[in-house]
């Protein structure tokens, strides 16, 4: 059985780690290089670095900061935000990223998923999907959640897989920062529709929420930010508790 993964997320703005609620009201959460080093030492399985304002600002992800973080971690490291070209991908991988995460670019030009999978391998391509429930339908949003689309979440993840995406990072905008638990109903449906790993994001508030998303949401990995940044949950404690609940996890 594949072990479930615990994935801290560094949301970056102006070179600092930040965290908000429902994608707004951001507050400072510390130095990303220091946090990355700490999470790597504490036993995190992977790390995600998202330059959350890069797309909206029309700029690229800060490659220098990516390199500094990469030097401090010995776990798989995914980078996203403002990626708009194959050259951007090359740069980030060269600076130390193991995988890249794309959202807006993939929605606007779906064929890039085919191109990136062919060039770098599907294992390197993570499709990030920010979605919100509108009139009972899950709709994909772009540019850090600011731009709604008419694209159905479940149709999009299936298309992305068919085009070569190797992993789905699904963030429920309604659950983001709420600490009320992950969107397990939607996650479960995504997991049933695709054969690639699904990362749950948005809503972690306590240890039971992680257990629930692995059991009921059928997620392969759980991503969280504020509960780790502000030391509300310690990763070693979380992992031991999950193991005690019978969940396959790497200690």
Protein backbone atom coordinates (compact mmCIF):
# COMPACT_ATOMS: atom_id res chain seq x y z
CA UNK A 1 0.00 0.00 0.00
CA UNK A 2 1.28 3.46 -0.88
CA UNK A 3 1.83 5.64 2.15
CA UNK A 4 -0.13 8.86 2.50
CA UNK A 5 1.87 12.08 2.34
CA UNK A 6 1.91 15.17 4.55
CA UNK A 7 2.75 18.29 2.56
CA UNK A 8 3.36 21.73 4.12
CA UNK A 9 2.70 24.62 1.73
CA UNK A 10 4.61 27.87 1.56
CA UNK A 11 2.40 30.57 0.03
CA UNK A 12 4.85 33.30 -0.96
CA UNK A 13 4.23 37.03 -1.37
CA UNK A 14 7.05 39.59 -1.57
CA UNK A 15 9.56 36.97 -0.45
CA UNK A 16 7.68 36.07 2.74
CA UNK A 17 5.42 33.17 3.67
CA UNK A 18 1.82 34.35 4.10
CA UNK A 19 -1.50 32.74 4.93
CA UNK A 20 -5.06 33.93 4.51
CA UNK A 21 -8.66 32.73 4.69
CA UNK A 22 -10.60 31.98 1.50
CA UNK A 23 -7.65 33.39 -0.48
CA UNK A 24 -7.82 36.87 1.16
CA UNK A 25 -6.75 38.67 4.39
CA UNK A 26 -3.15 37.49 4.17
CA UNK A 27 -0.91 37.64 7.24
CA UNK A 28 2.80 37.03 7.59
CA UNK A 29 3.83 33.52 8.55
CA UNK A 30 7.60 33.73 8.49
CA UNK A 31 10.73 33.26 6.42
CA UNK A 32 10.20 30.60 3.73
CA UNK A 33 13.77 29.30 3.82
CA UNK A 34 13.67 28.78 7.59
CA UNK A 35 10.24 27.15 7.44
CA UNK A 36 11.28 24.85 4.61
CA UNK A 37 14.35 23.67 6.52
CA UNK A 38 12.26 23.03 9.64
CA UNK A 39 9.62 21.02 7.76
CA UNK A 40 12.24 18.91 6.04
CA UNK A 41 13.81 18.10 9.43
CA UNK A 42 10.43 17.39 11.05
CA UNK A 43 9.59 14.64 8.56
CA UNK A 44 7.35 16.31 6.00
CA UNK A 45 7.04 14.05 2.95
CA UNK A 46 7.08 16.84 0.38
CA UNK A 47 7.04 20.62 0.21
CA UNK A 48 4.99 22.94 -2.01
CA UNK A 49 6.08 26.52 -2.76
CA UNK A 50 3.46 28.75 -4.42
CA UNK A 51 4.24 32.32 -5.44
CA UNK A 52 0.59 33.29 -5.01
CA UNK A 53 0.73 36.79 -6.53
CA UNK A 54 3.04 36.06 -9.47
CA UNK A 55 0.27 35.40 -12.00
CA UNK A 56 -1.84 38.35 -10.87
CA UNK A 57 1.22 40.61 -10.94
CA UNK A 58 2.19 39.37 -14.38
CA UNK A 59 5.65 38.23 -13.26
CA UNK A 60 7.59 35.01 -12.90
CA UNK A 61 8.14 32.96 -9.74
CA UNK A 62 11.12 34.20 -7.75
CA UNK A 63 13.79 31.76 -8.92
CA UNK A 64 16.44 32.94 -6.45
CA UNK A 65 14.17 32.17 -3.52
CA UNK A 66 13.34 28.77 -4.99
CA UNK A 67 17.05 27.99 -5.11
CA UNK A 68 17.57 29.03 -1.47
CA UNK A 69 14.70 26.79 -0.35
CA UNK A 70 15.92 23.86 -2.45
CA UNK A 71 19.32 24.03 -0.76
CA UNK A 72 17.67 23.51 2.64
CA UNK A 73 15.41 20.54 1.89
CA UNK A 74 15.99 16.88 1.08
CA UNK A 75 12.40 16.05 0.18
CA UNK A 76 10.48 16.43 -3.12
CA UNK A 77 9.83 20.10 -3.77
CA UNK A 78 7.03 21.45 -5.99
CA UNK A 79 7.01 25.05 -7.22
CA UNK A 80 4.16 27.03 -8.78
CA UNK A 81 3.00 30.56 -9.51
CA UNK A 82 3.48 32.68 -12.64
CA UNK A 83 4.75 29.80 -14.81
CA UNK A 84 3.92 30.67 -18.42
CA UNK A 85 6.52 29.00 -20.62
CA UNK A 86 8.72 25.95 -21.05
CA UNK A 87 11.69 28.21 -20.29
CA UNK A 88 10.12 29.06 -16.92
CA UNK A 89 9.86 25.34 -16.17
CA UNK A 90 13.49 24.74 -17.16
CA UNK A 91 14.60 27.60 -14.93
CA UNK A 92 12.73 26.34 -11.85
CA UNK A 93 13.87 22.75 -12.30
CA UNK A 94 17.44 23.96 -12.76
CA UNK A 95 17.12 26.02 -9.55
CA UNK A 96 16.13 22.94 -7.54
CA UNK A 97 12.41 22.25 -7.99
CA UNK A 98 11.51 18.57 -8.47
CA UNK A 99 8.05 19.28 -9.86
CA UNK A 100 6.22 22.29 -11.19
CA UNK A 101 2.62 23.23 -10.48
CA UNK A 102 0.56 25.05 -13.10
CA UNK A 103 -2.98 26.36 -13.00
CA UNK A 104 -3.93 29.39 -15.12
CA UNK A 105 -1.50 28.54 -17.93
CA UNK A 106 -2.93 25.02 -18.27
CA UNK A 107 -6.52 26.26 -18.36
CA UNK A 108 -5.75 28.85 -21.04
CA UNK A 109 -3.58 26.49 -23.09
CA UNK A 110 -4.45 22.87 -22.16
CA UNK A 111 -1.99 21.48 -24.74
CA UNK A 112 0.90 22.64 -22.53
CA UNK A 113 0.14 19.68 -20.28
CA UNK A 114 0.89 17.35 -23.20
CA UNK A 115 4.05 19.28 -24.04
CA UNK A 116 5.39 19.40 -20.49
CA UNK A 117 4.64 15.71 -19.89
CA UNK A 118 6.46 14.80 -23.11
CA UNK A 119 9.44 17.00 -22.32
CA UNK A 120 9.89 16.52 -18.56
CA UNK A 121 7.76 13.46 -17.71
CA UNK A 122 4.31 13.33 -16.12
CA UNK A 123 5.84 12.84 -12.68
CA UNK A 124 7.10 16.42 -12.93
CA UNK A 125 3.75 18.01 -13.86
CA UNK A 126 1.28 18.91 -11.10
CA UNK A 127 -2.03 20.45 -12.11
CA UNK A 128 -3.20 22.89 -9.44
CA UNK A 129 -6.94 23.47 -9.43
CA UNK A 130 -8.59 26.19 -7.35
CA UNK A 131 -12.34 25.64 -7.35
CA UNK A 132 -15.44 26.96 -5.66
CA UNK A 133 -19.00 25.69 -5.47
CA UNK A 134 -21.33 28.03 -7.36
CA UNK A 135 -25.04 27.18 -7.55
CA UNK A 136 -24.22 23.61 -6.60
CA UNK A 137 -21.52 23.21 -9.27
CA UNK A 138 -17.77 23.13 -8.65
CA UNK A 139 -16.20 25.74 -10.97
CA UNK A 140 -12.49 26.28 -11.67
CA UNK A 141 -11.01 29.68 -10.76
CA UNK A 142 -7.83 31.33 -12.04
CA UNK A 143 -5.25 33.96 -11.00
CA UNK A 144 -5.12 33.01 -7.34
CA UNK A 145 -8.88 32.47 -7.19
CA UNK A 146 -9.74 35.94 -8.50
CA UNK A 147 -11.10 34.96 -11.92
CA UNK A 148 -14.06 32.55 -12.10
CA UNK A 149 -14.59 30.33 -15.15
CA UNK A 150 -17.41 28.12 -16.40
CA UNK A 151 -15.09 25.10 -16.39
CA UNK A 152 -16.39 22.14 -14.39
CA UNK A 153 -13.87 20.84 -11.84
CA UNK A 154 -14.52 17.17 -12.54
CA UNK A 155 -14.36 17.47 -16.33
CA UNK A 156 -11.12 19.43 -16.07
CA UNK A 157 -9.22 16.97 -13.85
CA UNK A 158 -10.08 14.13 -16.22
CA UNK A 159 -8.92 16.11 -19.25
CA UNK A 160 -5.73 17.09 -17.42
CA UNK A 161 -4.93 13.46 -16.65
CA UNK A 162 -5.55 12.47 -20.28
CA UNK A 163 -3.12 15.20 -21.37
CA UNK A 164 -0.32 14.02 -19.12
CA UNK A 165 -0.69 15.66 -15.71
CA UNK A 166 0.92 13.40 -13.13
CA UNK A 167 -0.82 14.74 -10.03
CA UNK A 168 -3.81 16.89 -9.07
CA UNK A 169 -3.50 19.54 -6.34
CA UNK A 170 -7.10 20.48 -5.54
CA UNK A 171 -7.80 23.48 -3.33
CA UNK A 172 -11.34 24.19 -2.23
CA UNK A 173 -11.59 27.96 -2.05
CA UNK A 174 -14.60 27.63 0.25
CA UNK A 175 -12.54 25.62 2.73
CA UNK A 176 -9.23 27.48 2.43
CA UNK A 177 -8.07 28.73 5.83
CA UNK A 178 -11.42 27.81 7.41
CA UNK A 179 -9.96 24.99 9.56
CA UNK A 180 -13.29 23.20 9.21
CA UNK A 181 -11.94 20.20 7.31
CA UNK A 182 -11.19 19.38 3.68
CA UNK A 183 -13.76 19.18 0.85
CA UNK A 184 -13.90 15.41 1.14
CA UNK A 185 -16.99 14.84 -1.02
CA UNK A 186 -15.38 16.57 -3.99
CA UNK A 187 -12.01 14.95 -3.27
CA UNK A 188 -13.56 11.50 -3.18
CA UNK A 189 -15.22 12.10 -6.54
CA UNK A 190 -11.96 13.36 -8.08
CA UNK A 191 -10.12 10.31 -6.74
CA UNK A 192 -12.68 8.03 -8.34
CA UNK A 193 -12.43 9.81 -11.70
CA UNK A 194 -8.65 9.85 -12.09
CA UNK A 195 -5.86 7.31 -11.68
CA UNK A 196 -3.16 9.79 -10.63
CA UNK A 197 -2.43 11.00 -7.08
CA UNK A 198 -4.73 13.65 -5.62
CA UNK A 199 -3.49 16.19 -3.07
CA UNK A 200 -6.13 17.67 -0.76
CA UNK A 201 -5.75 21.37 0.04
CA UNK A 202 -7.88 23.83 1.99
CA UNK A 203 -9.45 23.36 5.41
CA UNK A 204 -7.01 21.57 7.72
CA UNK A 205 -7.70 22.52 11.31
CA UNK A 206 -6.94 19.46 13.41
CA UNK A 207 -5.49 15.97 13.19
CA UNK A 208 -8.87 14.34 12.57
CA UNK A 209 -9.30 16.45 9.43
CA UNK A 210 -6.19 14.80 7.97
CA UNK A 211 -7.48 11.35 8.87
CA UNK A 212 -10.87 12.15 7.35
CA UNK A 213 -9.44 13.31 4.03
CA UNK A 214 -7.36 10.15 3.71
CA UNK A 215 -10.25 7.86 4.66
CA UNK A 216 -13.35 9.63 3.31
CA UNK A 217 -11.79 11.97 0.74
CA UNK A 218 -9.59 9.16 -0.61
CA UNK A 219 -6.77 11.72 -0.95
CA UNK A 220 -3.23 10.49 -1.52
CA UNK A 221 -1.67 13.51 0.18
CA UNK A 222 -2.85 16.33 2.43
CA UNK A 223 -1.48 19.84 2.11
CA UNK A 224 -1.72 22.43 4.87
CA UNK A 225 -0.19 25.76 5.76
CA UNK A 226 -1.28 27.76 8.79
CA UNK A 227 -1.63 24.82 11.20
CA UNK A 228 2.04 24.05 10.54
CA UNK A 229 3.35 27.62 10.24
CA UNK A 230 1.81 28.69 13.55
CA UNK A 231 2.69 25.39 15.27
CA UNK A 232 -0.91 24.39 15.96
CA UNK A 233 -0.02 20.91 14.72
CA UNK A 234 3.46 19.40 14.85
CA UNK A 235 4.24 17.09 11.93
CA UNK A 236 5.79 14.24 13.99
CA UNK A 237 2.74 14.22 16.31
CA UNK A 238 0.36 14.31 13.34
CA UNK A 239 2.08 11.38 11.67
CA UNK A 240 2.11 9.25 14.83
CA UNK A 241 -1.59 9.93 15.42
CA UNK A 242 -2.42 8.98 11.83
CA UNK A 243 -0.42 5.78 12.17
CA UNK A 244 -2.29 5.01 15.40
CA UNK A 245 -5.53 5.36 13.43
CA UNK A 246 -4.35 2.69 11.00
CA UNK A 247 -3.40 5.04 8.16
CA UNK A 248 -0.31 4.09 6.15
CA UNK A 249 2.15 6.90 6.76
CA UNK A 250 5.94 7.23 6.73
CA UNK A 251 7.28 7.96 10.22
